[in-house]
Amino acid sequence: MIRLIEENLVRQNKAMLLMFFLLEEEFSRLTRLKPQSVAQVELSIQELMRQVAAERMSLRRLVAQVEPSAKRVRELQPALSGEEATSLDELLARLDETEQRCAVQAAKNQQMAMALFDQSKGLLSFMHDQLKPKSTTAYGRTGRFAQGINDARLLSGRL
């Protein structure tokens, strides 16, 4: 059973390494301003996250089979031999390190995406401000040029 737990942790670590590479690819595509290709990588990242979550649920079931009162792998350590406990510690440390690298890269990606969003929003606001007429009396409610009031007439209207 401990071997199955170790295999699960190895699979999770490999999945997180793949996640890190996908996050780096997403960042490079963000810097190249390719929104369509960023969306493709984002879908891959989301699917990988779903698979990692399934692996974690499977790991919880395995841990519960070994020790029904345990909820985490680290809670199994007192019941394991020294070699098994050391092996699990190493796997958990590697997994934690990989997760931290992924978290840092995801934060960079999020900051880059928000900066690009703010830049695009600012550019659109600038373009809208440039397109709006400076004089608010230039156009009427119907979108046509407003008729100015001519003081020289005595009557205005149609016949």
C-alpha atoms as a PDB file:
ATOM      1  CA  MET A   1       0.000   0.000   0.000  1.00  0.00           C
ATOM      2  CA  ILE A   2       2.884   2.371   0.769  1.00  0.00           C
ATOM      3  CA  ARG A   3       4.236   1.673  -2.723  1.00  0.00           C
ATOM      4  CA  LEU A   4       0.912   2.861  -4.189  1.00  0.00           C
ATOM      5  CA  ILE A   5       1.135   6.047  -2.119  1.00  0.00           C
ATOM      6  CA  GLU A   6       4.690   6.633  -3.361  1.00  0.00           C
ATOM      7  CA  GLU A   7       3.608   6.073  -6.976  1.00  0.00           C
ATOM      8  CA  ASN A   8       0.757   8.541  -6.503  1.00  0.00           C
ATOM      9  CA  LEU A   9       3.153  11.160  -5.110  1.00  0.00           C
ATOM     10  CA  VAL A  10       5.538  10.607  -8.037  1.00  0.00           C
ATOM     11  CA  ARG A  11       2.661  11.055 -10.522  1.00  0.00           C
ATOM     12  CA  GLN A  12       1.583  14.246  -8.751  1.00  0.00           C
ATOM     13  CA  ASN A  13       5.135  15.595  -8.850  1.00  0.00           C
ATOM     14  CA  LYS A  14       5.421  14.874 -12.577  1.00  0.00           C
ATOM     15  CA  ALA A  15       2.059  16.534 -13.164  1.00  0.00           C
ATOM     16  CA  MET A  16       3.207  19.608 -11.232  1.00  0.00           C
ATOM     17  CA  LEU A  17       6.435  19.726 -13.279  1.00  0.00           C
ATOM     18  CA  LEU A  18       4.315  19.667 -16.425  1.00  0.00           C
ATOM     19  CA  MET A  19       2.172  22.396 -14.875  1.00  0.00           C
ATOM     20  CA  PHE A  20       5.279  24.511 -14.324  1.00  0.00           C
ATOM     21  CA  PHE A  21       6.318  24.116 -17.965  1.00  0.00           C
ATOM     22  CA  LEU A  22       2.798  24.999 -19.132  1.00  0.00           C
ATOM     23  CA  LEU A  23       2.797  28.085 -16.905  1.00  0.00           C
ATOM     24  CA  GLU A  24       6.148  29.153 -18.368  1.00  0.00           C
ATOM     25  CA  GLU A  25       4.740  28.653 -21.869  1.00  0.00           C
ATOM     26  CA  GLU A  26       1.687  30.710 -20.949  1.00  0.00           C
ATOM     27  CA  PHE A  27       3.940  33.507 -19.700  1.00  0.00           C
ATOM     28  CA  SER A  28       5.981  33.497 -22.898  1.00  0.00           C
ATOM     29  CA  ARG A  29       2.788  33.686 -24.967  1.00  0.00           C
ATOM     30  CA  LEU A  30       1.507  36.525 -22.804  1.00  0.00           C
ATOM     31  CA  THR A  31       4.708  38.455 -23.458  1.00  0.00           C
ATOM     32  CA  ARG A  32       4.335  37.807 -27.212  1.00  0.00           C
ATOM     33  CA  LEU A  33       0.747  39.178 -27.049  1.00  0.00           C
ATOM     34  CA  LYS A  34      -0.910  36.082 -28.537  1.00  0.00           C
ATOM     35  CA  PRO A  35      -4.289  35.863 -26.760  1.00  0.00           C
ATOM     36  CA  GLN A  36      -5.624  32.909 -28.757  1.00  0.00           C
ATOM     37  CA  SER A  37      -2.615  30.754 -28.005  1.00  0.00           C
ATOM     38  CA  VAL A  38      -2.774  31.766 -24.317  1.00  0.00           C
ATOM     39  CA  ALA A  39      -6.329  30.453 -24.174  1.00  0.00           C
ATOM     40  CA  GLN A  40      -5.197  27.087 -25.554  1.00  0.00           C
ATOM     41  CA  VAL A  41      -2.497  26.732 -22.898  1.00  0.00           C
ATOM     42  CA  GLU A  42      -4.950  27.838 -20.202  1.00  0.00           C
ATOM     43  CA  LEU A  43      -7.334  25.023 -21.169  1.00  0.00           C
ATOM     44  CA  SER A  44      -4.478  22.523 -20.875  1.00  0.00           C
ATOM     45  CA  ILE A  45      -3.595  23.907 -17.451  1.00  0.00           C
ATOM     46  CA  GLN A  46      -7.184  23.590 -16.260  1.00  0.00           C
ATOM     47  CA  GLU A  47      -7.418  19.981 -17.452  1.00  0.00           C
ATOM     48  CA  LEU A  48      -4.139  19.147 -15.722  1.00  0.00           C
ATOM     49  CA  MET A  49      -5.444  20.737 -12.513  1.00  0.00           C
ATOM     50  CA  ARG A  50      -8.524  18.529 -12.733  1.00  0.00           C
ATOM     51  CA  GLN A  51      -6.303  15.456 -13.069  1.00  0.00           C
ATOM     52  CA  VAL A  52      -4.126  16.515 -10.122  1.00  0.00           C
ATOM     53  CA  ALA A  53      -7.253  16.966  -7.999  1.00  0.00           C
ATOM     54  CA  ALA A  54      -8.362  13.441  -8.932  1.00  0.00           C
ATOM     55  CA  GLU A  55      -4.917  12.105  -7.940  1.00  0.00           C
ATOM     56  CA  ARG A  56      -5.174  13.876  -4.597  1.00  0.00           C
ATOM     57  CA  MET A  57      -8.569  12.339  -3.903  1.00  0.00           C
ATOM     58  CA  SER A  58      -7.125   8.935  -4.779  1.00  0.00           C
ATOM     59  CA  LEU A  59      -4.217   9.596  -2.394  1.00  0.00           C
ATOM     60  CA  ARG A  60      -6.623  10.429   0.430  1.00  0.00           C
ATOM     61  CA  ARG A  61      -8.397   7.113  -0.111  1.00  0.00           C
ATOM     62  CA  LEU A  62      -5.070   5.255  -0.045  1.00  0.00           C
ATOM     63  CA  VAL A  63      -4.024   7.001   3.162  1.00  0.00           C
ATOM     64  CA  ALA A  64      -7.365   6.133   4.755  1.00  0.00           C
ATOM     65  CA  GLN A  65      -6.857   2.470   3.829  1.00  0.00           C
ATOM     66  CA  VAL A  66      -3.474   2.382   5.553  1.00  0.00           C
ATOM     67  CA  GLU A  67      -4.578   4.319   8.650  1.00  0.00           C
ATOM     68  CA  PRO A  68      -8.308   5.121   8.923  1.00  0.00           C
ATOM     69  CA  SER A  69      -7.730   8.032  11.315  1.00  0.00           C
ATOM     70  CA  ALA A  70      -5.088   9.688   9.082  1.00  0.00           C
ATOM     71  CA  LYS A  71      -6.091  12.403   6.655  1.00  0.00           C
ATOM     72  CA  ARG A  72      -2.616  13.309   5.338  1.00  0.00           C
ATOM     73  CA  VAL A  73       0.455  11.378   4.268  1.00  0.00           C
ATOM     74  CA  ARG A  74       2.548  12.954   7.022  1.00  0.00           C
ATOM     75  CA  GLU A  75       0.212  11.430   9.623  1.00  0.00           C
ATOM     76  CA  LEU A  76       1.293   7.968   8.442  1.00  0.00           C
ATOM     77  CA  GLN A  77       4.948   8.506   9.355  1.00  0.00           C
ATOM     78  CA  PRO A  78       4.860   7.223  12.964  1.00  0.00           C
ATOM     79  CA  ALA A  79       3.486   3.884  11.771  1.00  0.00           C
ATOM     80  CA  LEU A  80       6.078   3.424   8.980  1.00  0.00           C
ATOM     81  CA  SER A  81       9.578   2.012   9.012  1.00  0.00           C
ATOM     82  CA  GLY A  82      12.484   4.457   8.817  1.00  0.00           C
ATOM     83  CA  GLU A  83      13.187   3.781   5.128  1.00  0.00           C
ATOM     84  CA  GLU A  84       9.540   4.199   4.078  1.00  0.00           C
ATOM     85  CA  ALA A  85       9.168   7.364   6.142  1.00  0.00           C
ATOM     86  CA  THR A  86      12.341   8.842   4.613  1.00  0.00           C
ATOM     87  CA  SER A  87      11.158   7.988   1.113  1.00  0.00           C
ATOM     88  CA  LEU A  88       7.773   9.645   1.709  1.00  0.00           C
ATOM     89  CA  ASP A  89       9.482  12.699   3.229  1.00  0.00           C
ATOM     90  CA  GLU A  90      11.662  13.113   0.140  1.00  0.00           C
ATOM     91  CA  LEU A  91       8.695  12.742  -2.210  1.00  0.00           C
ATOM     92  CA  LEU A  92       6.636  15.227  -0.227  1.00  0.00           C
ATOM     93  CA  ALA A  93       9.528  17.719  -0.128  1.00  0.00           C
ATOM     94  CA  ARG A  94       9.993  17.453  -3.914  1.00  0.00           C
ATOM     95  CA  LEU A  95       6.268  17.869  -4.490  1.00  0.00           C
ATOM     96  CA  ASP A  96       6.126  20.883  -2.197  1.00  0.00           C
ATOM     97  CA  GLU A  97       9.088  22.512  -3.962  1.00  0.00           C
ATOM     98  CA  THR A  98       7.486  21.975  -7.368  1.00  0.00           C
ATOM     99  CA  GLU A  99       4.162  23.369  -6.134  1.00  0.00           C
ATOM    100  CA  GLN A 100       5.943  26.478  -4.820  1.00  0.00           C
ATOM    101  CA  ARG A 101       7.629  27.029  -8.190  1.00  0.00           C
ATOM    102  CA  CYS A 102       4.244  26.688  -9.885  1.00  0.00           C
ATOM    103  CA  ALA A 103       2.676  29.158  -7.465  1.00  0.00           C
ATOM    104  CA  VAL A 104       5.392  31.753  -8.148  1.00  0.00           C
ATOM    105  CA  GLN A 105       5.035  31.329 -11.910  1.00  0.00           C
ATOM    106  CA  ALA A 106       1.227  31.503 -11.696  1.00  0.00           C
ATOM    107  CA  ALA A 107       1.533  34.771  -9.752  1.00  0.00           C
ATOM    108  CA  LYS A 108       3.803  36.183 -12.477  1.00  0.00           C
ATOM    109  CA  ASN A 109       1.316  35.118 -15.133  1.00  0.00           C
ATOM    110  CA  GLN A 110      -1.544  36.709 -13.230  1.00  0.00           C
ATOM    111  CA  GLN A 111       0.340  39.994 -12.858  1.00  0.00           C
ATOM    112  CA  MET A 112       1.219  40.015 -16.560  1.00  0.00           C
ATOM    113  CA  ALA A 113      -2.369  39.250 -17.573  1.00  0.00           C
ATOM    114  CA  MET A 114      -3.723  42.012 -15.312  1.00  0.00           C
ATOM    115  CA  ALA A 115      -1.141  44.485 -16.655  1.00  0.00           C
ATOM    116  CA  LEU A 116      -2.163  43.661 -20.227  1.00  0.00           C
ATOM    117  CA  PHE A 117      -5.827  43.994 -19.257  1.00  0.00           C
ATOM    118  CA  ASP A 118      -5.223  47.407 -17.669  1.00  0.00           C
ATOM    119  CA  GLN A 119      -3.224  48.515 -20.692  1.00  0.00           C
ATOM    120  CA  SER A 120      -5.987  47.428 -23.096  1.00  0.00           C
ATOM    121  CA  LYS A 121      -8.651  49.051 -20.947  1.00  0.00           C
ATOM    122  CA  GLY A 122      -6.687  52.302 -20.836  1.00  0.00           C
ATOM    123  CA  LEU A 123      -6.150  52.243 -24.598  1.00  0.00           C
ATOM    124  CA  LEU A 124      -9.863  51.675 -25.228  1.00  0.00           C
ATOM    125  CA  SER A 125     -10.784  54.507 -22.878  1.00  0.00           C
ATOM    126  CA  PHE A 126      -8.347  56.796 -24.670  1.00  0.00           C
ATOM    127  CA  MET A 127      -9.790  55.847 -28.074  1.00  0.00           C
ATOM    128  CA  HIS A 128     -13.354  56.430 -26.850  1.00  0.00           C
ATOM    129  CA  ASP A 129     -12.384  59.817 -25.454  1.00  0.00           C
ATOM    130  CA  GLN A 130     -10.799  60.757 -28.782  1.00  0.00           C
ATOM    131  CA  LEU A 131     -13.883  59.672 -30.739  1.00  0.00           C
ATOM    132  CA  LYS A 132     -16.397  61.483 -28.558  1.00  0.00           C
ATOM    133  CA  PRO A 133     -17.210  64.958 -29.800  1.00  0.00           C
ATOM    134  CA  LYS A 134     -15.660  67.692 -27.720  1.00  0.00           C
ATOM    135  CA  SER A 135     -18.788  69.798 -27.863  1.00  0.00           C
ATOM    136  CA  THR A 136     -21.807  68.114 -26.340  1.00  0.00           C
ATOM    137  CA  THR A 137     -24.128  70.206 -28.517  1.00  0.00           C
ATOM    138  CA  ALA A 138     -22.755  68.813 -31.800  1.00  0.00           C
ATOM    139  CA  TYR A 139     -25.167  65.879 -32.014  1.00  0.00           C
ATOM    140  CA  GLY A 140     -28.782  65.500 -31.042  1.00  0.00           C
ATOM    141  CA  ARG A 141     -30.464  62.517 -29.410  1.00  0.00           C
ATOM    142  CA  THR A 142     -31.030  60.869 -32.787  1.00  0.00           C
ATOM    143  CA  GLY A 143     -27.342  60.921 -33.686  1.00  0.00           C
ATOM    144  CA  ARG A 144     -27.708  63.676 -36.281  1.00  0.00           C
ATOM    145  CA  PHE A 145     -26.172  67.082 -36.115  1.00  0.00           C
ATOM    146  CA  ALA A 146     -28.088  69.235 -33.710  1.00  0.00           C
ATOM    147  CA  GLN A 147     -29.769  72.306 -35.148  1.00  0.00           C
ATOM    148  CA  GLY A 148     -28.330  75.374 -33.624  1.00  0.00           C
ATOM    149  CA  ILE A 149     -30.637  78.145 -32.473  1.00  0.00           C
ATOM    150  CA  ASN A 150     -30.588  80.965 -34.952  1.00  0.00           C
ATOM    151  CA  ASP A 151     -31.674  84.208 -33.302  1.00  0.00           C
ATOM    152  CA  ALA A 152     -32.350  85.936 -36.626  1.00  0.00           C
ATOM    153  CA  ARG A 153     -35.556  83.975 -37.305  1.00  0.00           C
ATOM    154  CA  LEU A 154     -38.922  84.853 -35.976  1.00  0.00           C
ATOM    155  CA  LEU A 155     -40.402  81.411 -36.601  1.00  0.00           C
ATOM    156  CA  SER A 156     -38.839  78.024 -36.784  1.00  0.00           C
ATOM    157  CA  GLY A 157     -40.430  74.809 -37.953  1.00  0.00           C
ATOM    158  CA  ARG A 158     -41.673  73.109 -41.105  1.00  0.00           C
ATOM    159  CA  LEU A 159     -44.360  74.131 -43.450  1.00  0.00           C
END
